Amino acid sequence: MSKRDDLIVKYAADLKDKCGVNPDMDLLTKVTVGLGPSIYNADSSTVSGSDEKELATVKNNFLIKKLGLTEGAELDKAIDSVMETYGRSNRSKYRAVVYYLLTKHFKKEAIYS
């Protein structure tokens, strides 16, 4: 298996074990591929759920630019909900898992088809 395949398996395990979600492997793979080389960098591969600047980046670069959503309170609520689902005490929240959960939350799977 390639390094990317190994990471996808790790992300799927996080979704099952930490989030209680049975992942759609096709969508998870597409979300992971969409992140490009950032998944291999220790800093950019994770999201800090307590860093406001980091959460603003998720909102602006992913929810607004990638998913085409409009700025509003529901975006912040969705991010907060995903952080709660993933577990606030969990220090390493993988970006691919967070983006996967947000994609499912907003029913924007078609973006990756």
Protein backbone atom coordinates (compact mmCIF):
# COMPACT_ATOMS: atom_id res chain seq x y z
CA MET A 1 0.00 0.00 0.00
CA SER A 2 1.08 3.55 -0.65
CA LYS A 3 1.60 6.07 2.12
CA ARG A 4 -1.66 7.77 1.10
CA ASP A 5 -3.54 4.45 1.35
CA ASP A 6 -2.09 3.93 4.83
CA LEU A 7 -3.32 7.39 5.86
CA ILE A 8 -6.80 6.72 4.46
CA VAL A 9 -6.97 3.55 6.58
CA LYS A 10 -5.92 5.61 9.61
CA TYR A 11 -8.58 8.25 8.85
CA ALA A 12 -11.26 5.55 8.46
CA ALA A 13 -10.26 4.11 11.85
CA ASP A 14 -10.59 7.57 13.43
CA LEU A 15 -14.05 8.00 11.90
CA LYS A 16 -15.17 4.63 13.28
CA ASP A 17 -13.46 4.69 16.67
CA LYS A 18 -13.53 8.37 17.66
CA CYS A 19 -16.56 9.68 15.75
CA GLY A 20 -18.81 6.64 15.64
CA VAL A 21 -19.21 7.04 11.88
CA ASN A 22 -19.05 4.24 9.33
CA PRO A 23 -17.14 6.03 6.53
CA ASP A 24 -17.96 6.09 2.84
CA MET A 25 -14.48 5.00 1.72
CA ASP A 26 -14.90 6.44 -1.78
CA LEU A 27 -15.73 9.89 -0.41
CA LEU A 28 -13.00 9.67 2.23
CA THR A 29 -10.48 8.82 -0.49
CA LYS A 30 -11.62 11.77 -2.63
CA VAL A 31 -11.46 14.19 0.30
CA THR A 32 -7.97 12.93 1.14
CA VAL A 33 -6.77 13.22 -2.47
CA GLY A 34 -8.25 16.74 -2.57
CA LEU A 35 -5.98 17.76 0.30
CA GLY A 36 -2.90 17.02 -1.79
CA PRO A 37 0.52 16.97 -0.17
CA SER A 38 -0.72 18.65 3.03
CA ILE A 39 -1.65 15.20 4.43
CA TYR A 40 2.05 14.32 4.66
CA ASN A 41 3.01 17.38 6.75
CA ALA A 42 2.63 16.95 10.52
CA ASP A 43 1.32 20.49 11.02
CA SER A 44 -0.99 20.85 8.04
CA SER A 45 -2.43 17.32 8.28
CA THR A 46 -4.20 18.13 11.56
CA VAL A 47 -6.67 20.75 12.76
CA SER A 48 -6.43 22.38 16.17
CA GLY A 49 -9.97 22.57 17.50
CA SER A 50 -9.06 25.29 19.99
CA ASP A 51 -7.16 27.63 17.65
CA GLU A 52 -9.53 30.31 16.34
CA LYS A 53 -7.19 31.17 13.46
CA GLU A 54 -7.08 27.51 12.39
CA LEU A 55 -10.88 27.20 12.54
CA ALA A 56 -11.23 30.39 10.48
CA THR A 57 -8.96 28.79 7.85
CA VAL A 58 -11.18 25.69 7.76
CA LYS A 59 -14.23 27.91 7.35
CA ASN A 60 -12.79 30.20 4.66
CA ASN A 61 -10.64 27.82 2.63
CA PHE A 62 -12.82 24.72 2.82
CA LEU A 63 -16.43 25.56 3.59
CA ILE A 64 -16.64 28.80 1.62
CA LYS A 65 -14.08 28.33 -1.19
CA LYS A 66 -14.24 24.55 -1.73
CA LEU A 67 -17.83 23.69 -0.81
CA GLY A 68 -19.24 27.02 -2.02
CA LEU A 69 -21.15 27.81 1.17
CA THR A 70 -22.07 31.33 2.27
CA GLU A 71 -20.59 32.96 5.37
CA GLY A 72 -22.92 32.67 8.33
CA ALA A 73 -23.40 31.41 11.86
CA GLU A 74 -24.33 27.92 10.61
CA LEU A 75 -20.74 27.41 9.41
CA ASP A 76 -19.35 28.07 12.89
CA LYS A 77 -22.02 25.81 14.41
CA ALA A 78 -21.11 23.01 11.98
CA ILE A 79 -17.39 23.30 12.77
CA ASP A 80 -18.20 23.28 16.48
CA SER A 81 -20.41 20.23 16.02
CA VAL A 82 -17.66 18.37 14.13
CA MET A 83 -15.11 19.23 16.84
CA GLU A 84 -17.54 17.89 19.44
CA THR A 85 -18.12 14.70 17.42
CA TYR A 86 -14.38 14.15 16.95
CA GLY A 87 -13.78 14.75 20.65
CA ARG A 88 -12.48 18.03 22.02
CA SER A 89 -9.90 16.23 24.16
CA ASN A 90 -8.52 14.40 21.13
CA ARG A 91 -5.35 16.34 20.32
CA SER A 92 -4.75 15.19 16.77
CA LYS A 93 -7.79 15.79 14.65
CA TYR A 94 -6.91 14.84 11.11
CA ARG A 95 -7.83 17.48 8.54
CA ALA A 96 -9.16 14.81 6.14
CA VAL A 97 -11.53 13.51 8.83
CA VAL A 98 -12.73 17.02 9.75
CA TYR A 99 -13.31 17.86 6.07
CA TYR A 100 -15.08 14.54 5.50
CA LEU A 101 -17.44 15.19 8.43
CA LEU A 102 -18.13 18.74 7.23
CA THR A 103 -18.79 17.51 3.68
CA LYS A 104 -21.31 14.99 5.04
CA HIS A 105 -22.85 17.58 7.40
CA PHE A 106 -23.63 19.96 4.54
CA LYS A 107 -24.53 17.11 2.13
CA LYS A 108 -21.95 18.37 -0.37
CA GLU A 109 -20.67 14.95 -1.48
CA ALA A 110 -21.44 15.91 -5.10
CA ILE A 111 -18.46 18.32 -5.00
CA TYR A 112 -16.20 15.24 -5.03
CA SER A 113 -18.00 13.24 -7.72
